[in-house]
PDB file of N, CA and C in Angstrom:
ATOM      1  N   MET A   1     125.351 140.239  91.250  1.00  0.00           N
ATOM      2  CA  MET A   1     124.417 139.879  90.533  1.00  0.00           C
ATOM      3  C   MET A   1     124.944 138.583  89.469  1.00  0.00           C
ATOM      4  N   ALA A   2     126.181 138.684  89.532  1.00  0.00           N
ATOM      5  CA  ALA A   2     126.707 137.097  88.666  1.00  0.00           C
ATOM      6  C   ALA A   2     126.217 136.120  89.240  1.00  0.00           C
ATOM      7  N   LEU A   3     126.739 136.194  90.787  1.00  0.00           N
ATOM      8  CA  LEU A   3     126.002 134.472  91.153  1.00  0.00           C
ATOM      9  C   LEU A   3     124.566 134.168  91.275  1.00  0.00           C
ATOM     10  N   ALA A   4     123.699 135.185  91.101  1.00  0.00           N
ATOM     11  CA  ALA A   4     122.291 135.092  91.014  1.00  0.00           C
ATOM     12  C   ALA A   4     121.939 134.399  89.365  1.00  0.00           C
ATOM     13  N   GLY A   5     122.895 134.870  88.559  1.00  0.00           N
ATOM     14  CA  GLY A   5     122.861 134.465  87.188  1.00  0.00           C
ATOM     15  C   GLY A   5     123.331 132.810  87.225  1.00  0.00           C
ATOM     16  N   LYS A   6     124.327 132.490  87.995  1.00  0.00           N
ATOM     17  CA  LYS A   6     124.934 131.033  88.211  1.00  0.00           C
ATOM     18  C   LYS A   6     123.953 130.142  88.667  1.00  0.00           C
ATOM     19  N   ASP A   7     123.496 130.579  89.622  1.00  0.00           N
ATOM     20  CA  ASP A   7     122.144 130.047  90.687  1.00  0.00           C
ATOM     21  C   ASP A   7     120.948 129.261  89.302  1.00  0.00           C
ATOM     22  N   GLN A   8     120.589 130.404  88.590  1.00  0.00           N
ATOM     23  CA  GLN A   8     119.729 130.377  87.441  1.00  0.00           C
ATOM     24  C   GLN A   8     119.915 129.092  86.781  1.00  0.00           C
ATOM     25  N   ASN A   9     121.523 129.297  86.337  1.00  0.00           N
ATOM     26  CA  ASN A   9     121.895 128.175  85.330  1.00  0.00           C
ATOM     27  C   ASN A   9     122.161 127.019  85.611  1.00  0.00           C
ATOM     28  N   VAL A  10     122.560 127.079  87.071  1.00  0.00           N
ATOM     29  CA  VAL A  10     122.331 125.436  87.732  1.00  0.00           C
ATOM     30  C   VAL A  10     121.183 124.882  87.757  1.00  0.00           C
ATOM     31  N   GLU A  11     120.427 125.768  87.955  1.00  0.00           N
ATOM     32  CA  GLU A  11     118.673 125.326  88.183  1.00  0.00           C
ATOM     33  C   GLU A  11     118.160 124.994  86.802  1.00  0.00           C
ATOM     34  N   ASN A  12     118.465 125.519  85.987  1.00  0.00           N
ATOM     35  CA  ASN A  12     117.845 125.264  84.353  1.00  0.00           C
ATOM     36  C   ASN A  12     118.974 123.979  84.113  1.00  0.00           C
ATOM     37  N   ASP A  13     119.985 123.767  84.366  1.00  0.00           N
ATOM     38  CA  ASP A  13     120.603 122.641  83.997  1.00  0.00           C
ATOM     39  C   ASP A  13     119.955 121.207  84.882  1.00  0.00           C
ATOM     40  N   ASN A  14     119.716 121.707  86.142  1.00  0.00           N
ATOM     41  CA  ASN A  14     118.992 120.574  86.601  1.00  0.00           C
ATOM     42  C   ASN A  14     117.947 119.977  86.239  1.00  0.00           C
ATOM     43  N   THR A  15     117.090 121.270  85.864  1.00  0.00           N
ATOM     44  CA  THR A  15     115.836 120.671  85.184  1.00  0.00           C
ATOM     45  C   THR A  15     115.625 119.966  83.890  1.00  0.00           C
ATOM     46  N   ALA A  16     116.779 120.719  83.298  1.00  0.00           N
ATOM     47  CA  ALA A  16     116.923 119.802  81.653  1.00  0.00           C
ATOM     48  C   ALA A  16     117.309 118.220  82.200  1.00  0.00           C
ATOM     49  N   ALA A  17     118.064 118.315  82.869  1.00  0.00           N
ATOM     50  CA  ALA A  17     118.742 116.873  83.140  1.00  0.00           C
ATOM     51  C   ALA A  17     117.441 115.964  83.774  1.00  0.00           C
ATOM     52  N   GLY A  18     116.655 116.342  84.467  1.00  0.00           N
ATOM     53  CA  GLY A  18     115.591 115.671  84.959  1.00  0.00           C
ATOM     54  C   GLY A  18     114.702 115.425  84.007  1.00  0.00           C
ATOM     55  N   THR A  19     114.228 116.276  83.107  1.00  0.00           N
ATOM     56  CA  THR A  19     113.408 116.056  81.981  1.00  0.00           C
ATOM     57  C   THR A  19     114.071 115.340  80.927  1.00  0.00           C
ATOM     58  N   VAL A  20     115.474 115.274  80.653  1.00  0.00           N
ATOM     59  CA  VAL A  20     115.921 114.435  79.815  1.00  0.00           C
ATOM     60  C   VAL A  20     115.775 112.897  80.396  1.00  0.00           C
ATOM     61  N   GLY A  21     116.003 112.597  81.722  1.00  0.00           N
ATOM     62  CA  GLY A  21     116.026 111.490  82.485  1.00  0.00           C
ATOM     63  C   GLY A  21     114.889 111.067  82.307  1.00  0.00           C
ATOM     64  N   ALA A  22     113.809 111.654  82.779  1.00  0.00           N
ATOM     65  CA  ALA A  22     112.404 110.932  82.552  1.00  0.00           C
ATOM     66  C   ALA A  22     112.167 110.713  81.086  1.00  0.00           C
ATOM     67  N   LEU A  23     112.545 111.246  80.079  1.00  0.00           N
ATOM     68  CA  LEU A  23     112.129 111.078  78.920  1.00  0.00           C
ATOM     69  C   LEU A  23     112.865 110.146  78.631  1.00  0.00           C
ATOM     70  N   VAL A  24     114.232 109.886  78.777  1.00  0.00           N
ATOM     71  CA  VAL A  24     114.984 108.548  78.217  1.00  0.00           C
ATOM     72  C   VAL A  24     114.525 107.284  78.783  1.00  0.00           C
ATOM     73  N   PHE A  25     114.538 107.521  80.215  1.00  0.00           N
ATOM     74  CA  PHE A  25     114.435 106.154  81.068  1.00  0.00           C
ATOM     75  C   PHE A  25     112.938 106.007  81.402  1.00  0.00           C
ATOM     76  N   TRP A  26     111.827 106.640  80.762  1.00  0.00           N
ATOM     77  CA  TRP A  26     110.533 106.137  81.158  1.00  0.00           C
ATOM     78  C   TRP A  26     110.228 104.639  81.142  1.00  0.00           C
ATOM     79  N   PRO A  27     111.015 104.198  79.920  1.00  0.00           N
ATOM     80  CA  PRO A  27     110.231 102.305  80.129  1.00  0.00           C
ATOM     81  C   PRO A  27     111.066 101.647  81.108  1.00  0.00           C
ATOM     82  N   ALA A  28     111.953 102.379  81.553  1.00  0.00           N
ATOM     83  CA  ALA A  28     112.557 101.341  82.902  1.00  0.00           C
ATOM     84  C   ALA A  28     111.429 101.243  84.308  1.00  0.00           C
ATOM     85  N   MET A  29     110.419 102.245  83.957  1.00  0.00           N
ATOM     86  CA  MET A  29     109.451 102.261  85.127  1.00  0.00           C
ATOM     87  C   MET A  29     108.785 100.915  85.073  1.00  0.00           C
ATOM     88  N   PHE A  30     108.444 100.348  83.896  1.00  0.00           N
ATOM     89  CA  PHE A  30     107.654  98.846  83.680  1.00  0.00           C
ATOM     90  C   PHE A  30     108.334  97.873  84.120  1.00  0.00           C
ATOM     91  N   ALA A  31     109.536  98.253  84.649  1.00  0.00           N
ATOM     92  CA  ALA A  31     110.218  97.163  85.148  1.00  0.00           C
ATOM     93  C   ALA A  31     110.203  97.139  86.663  1.00  0.00           C
ATOM     94  N   PHE A  32     109.790  97.941  87.115  1.00  0.00           N
ATOM     95  CA  PHE A  32     109.439  97.996  88.442  1.00  0.00           C
ATOM     96  C   PHE A  32     108.415  96.897  88.936  1.00  0.00           C
ATOM     97  N   ASP A  33     108.762  96.338  89.838  1.00  0.00           N
ATOM     98  CA  ASP A  33     107.709  95.061  90.480  1.00  0.00           C
ATOM     99  C   ASP A  33     106.785  95.878  91.606  1.00  0.00           C
ATOM    100  N   LEU A  34     105.789  96.117  91.227  1.00  0.00           N
ATOM    101  CA  LEU A  34     104.765  96.677  92.314  1.00  0.00           C
ATOM    102  C   LEU A  34     103.844  95.749  93.147  1.00  0.00           C
ATOM    103  N   SER A  35     104.492  94.680  92.895  1.00  0.00           N
ATOM    104  CA  SER A  35     103.093  93.812  93.727  1.00  0.00           C
ATOM    105  C   SER A  35     103.893  93.686  95.159  1.00  0.00           C
ATOM    106  N   GLN A  36     103.135  93.120  96.185  1.00  0.00           N
ATOM    107  CA  GLN A  36     103.739  93.069  97.177  1.00  0.00           C
ATOM    108  C   GLN A  36     104.398  91.744  97.504  1.00  0.00           C
ATOM    109  N   LYS A  37     104.816  90.847  96.750  1.00  0.00           N
ATOM    110  CA  LYS A  37     105.465  89.460  96.953  1.00  0.00           C
ATOM    111  C   LYS A  37     106.475  89.843  98.355  1.00  0.00           C
ATOM    112  N   GLU A  38     107.062  90.753  98.278  1.00  0.00           N
ATOM    113  CA  GLU A  38     108.505  90.890  99.078  1.00  0.00           C
ATOM    114  C   GLU A  38     107.460  90.997 100.748  1.00  0.00           C
ATOM    115  N   GLN A  39     106.782  91.951 100.756  1.00  0.00           N
ATOM    116  CA  GLN A  39     106.073  92.241 101.932  1.00  0.00           C
ATOM    117  C   GLN A  39     105.653  91.123 102.307  1.00  0.00           C
ATOM    118  N   ILE A  40     104.908  90.030 101.579  1.00  0.00           N
ATOM    119  CA  ILE A  40     104.271  89.027 102.068  1.00  0.00           C
ATOM    120  C   ILE A  40     105.301  88.002 102.609  1.00  0.00           C
ATOM    121  N   GLU A  41     106.357  87.665 101.785  1.00  0.00           N
ATOM    122  CA  GLU A  41     107.423  86.816 102.054  1.00  0.00           C
ATOM    123  C   GLU A  41     108.240  87.424 103.402  1.00  0.00           C
ATOM    124  N   MET A  42     108.465  88.595 103.595  1.00  0.00           N
ATOM    125  CA  MET A  42     108.674  88.973 105.242  1.00  0.00           C
ATOM    126  C   MET A  42     107.686  88.719 106.160  1.00  0.00           C
ATOM    127  N   ARG A  43     106.543  89.075 106.013  1.00  0.00           N
ATOM    128  CA  ARG A  43     105.652  88.505 107.162  1.00  0.00           C
ATOM    129  C   ARG A  43     105.589  87.095 107.487  1.00  0.00           C
ATOM    130  N   ALA A  44     105.746  86.550 106.453  1.00  0.00           N
ATOM    131  CA  ALA A  44     105.727  84.908 106.723  1.00  0.00           C
ATOM    132  C   ALA A  44     107.224  84.698 107.564  1.00  0.00           C
ATOM    133  N   TYR A  45     108.192  85.036 106.964  1.00  0.00           N
ATOM    134  CA  TYR A  45     109.626  85.193 107.759  1.00  0.00           C
ATOM    135  C   TYR A  45     108.972  85.498 109.245  1.00  0.00           C
ATOM    136  N   GLN A  46     108.590  86.542 109.579  1.00  0.00           N
ATOM    137  CA  GLN A  46     108.145  87.327 110.807  1.00  0.00           C
ATOM    138  C   GLN A  46     107.495  85.929 111.388  1.00  0.00           C
ATOM    139  N   ASP A  47     106.092  85.696 110.861  1.00  0.00           N
ATOM    140  CA  ASP A  47     105.597  84.679 111.715  1.00  0.00           C
ATOM    141  C   ASP A  47     105.998  83.548 112.040  1.00  0.00           C
ATOM    142  N   ARG A  48     107.119  82.836 111.202  1.00  0.00           N
ATOM    143  CA  ARG A  48     107.825  81.656 111.242  1.00  0.00           C
ATOM    144  C   ARG A  48     108.529  81.893 112.484  1.00  0.00           C
ATOM    145  N   ASN A  49     109.206  83.093 112.649  1.00  0.00           N
ATOM    146  CA  ASN A  49     110.086  83.487 113.339  1.00  0.00           C
ATOM    147  C   ASN A  49     109.552  83.601 115.041  1.00  0.00           C
ATOM    148  N   ARG A  50     108.762  84.308 114.892  1.00  0.00           N
ATOM    149  CA  ARG A  50     107.606  84.396 115.959  1.00  0.00           C
ATOM    150  C   ARG A  50     107.004  83.014 116.695  1.00  0.00           C
ATOM    151  N   HIS A  51     106.581  82.097 115.790  1.00  0.00           N
ATOM    152  CA  HIS A  51     106.240  80.846 116.100  1.00  0.00           C
ATOM    153  C   HIS A  51     107.157  79.781 116.583  1.00  0.00           C
ATOM    154  N   LEU A  52     108.631  80.055 116.226  1.00  0.00           N
ATOM    155  CA  LEU A  52     109.510  79.469 116.293  1.00  0.00           C
ATOM    156  C   LEU A  52     109.937  79.770 117.960  1.00  0.00           C
ATOM    157  N   ASN A  53     110.036  81.096 118.332  1.00  0.00           N
ATOM    158  CA  ASN A  53     110.444  81.683 119.502  1.00  0.00           C
ATOM    159  C   ASN A  53     109.525  81.009 120.620  1.00  0.00           C
ATOM    160  N   TYR A  54     108.180  80.900 120.203  1.00  0.00           N
ATOM    161  CA  TYR A  54     107.426  80.597 121.258  1.00  0.00           C
ATOM    162  C   TYR A  54     107.484  79.266 121.650  1.00  0.00           C
ATOM    163  N   LEU A  55     107.746  78.444 120.764  1.00  0.00           N
ATOM    164  CA  LEU A  55     108.197  76.641 120.694  1.00  0.00           C
ATOM    165  C   LEU A  55     109.248  76.808 121.358  1.00  0.00           C
ATOM    166  N   LEU A  56     109.959  77.612 121.467  1.00  0.00           N
ATOM    167  CA  LEU A  56     111.455  77.661 122.257  1.00  0.00           C
ATOM    168  C   LEU A  56     111.360  78.185 123.571  1.00  0.00           C
ATOM    169  N   ASN A  57     110.503  79.329 123.849  1.00  0.00           N
ATOM    170  CA  ASN A  57     110.244  79.279 125.299  1.00  0.00           C
ATOM    171  C   ASN A  57     109.292  78.484 125.897  1.00  0.00           C
ATOM    172  N   SER A  58     108.249  78.107 125.339  1.00  0.00           N
ATOM    173  CA  SER A  58     107.223  77.045 125.544  1.00  0.00           C
ATOM    174  C   SER A  58     107.809  75.617 126.069  1.00  0.00           C
ATOM    175  N   ASN A  59     108.638  75.285 125.323  1.00  0.00           N
ATOM    176  CA  ASN A  59     109.273  74.081 125.675  1.00  0.00           C
ATOM    177  C   ASN A  59     110.571  74.206 126.696  1.00  0.00           C
ATOM    178  N   LYS A  60     110.928  75.306 126.898  1.00  0.00           N
ATOM    179  CA  LYS A  60     112.150  75.599 127.591  1.00  0.00           C
ATOM    180  C   LYS A  60     113.501  75.313 127.155  1.00  0.00           C
ATOM    181  N   CYS A  61     113.599  75.351 126.221  1.00  0.00           N
ATOM    182  CA  CYS A  61     114.817  74.814 125.265  1.00  0.00           C
ATOM    183  C   CYS A  61     116.253  75.161 125.711  1.00  0.00           C
ATOM    184  N   LEU A  62     116.123  76.272 126.418  1.00  0.00           N
ATOM    185  CA  LEU A  62     117.309  76.901 126.640  1.00  0.00           C
ATOM    186  C   LEU A  62     117.876  76.600 127.918  1.00  0.00           C
TER     187      LEU A  62
END
């Protein structure tokens, strides 16, 4: 029975730590960049790479 009490204490400690973390660090949520800039940039890199590979293959540069 002593182990069951310890598990409950650990769970309570984890819940408390999570709650405190959410309350203390909630302003950091506004620092997240939720825009799609990185995805757009990555797609542009992929398109450029695809086009360069096309040019390489069509002109038989290798």
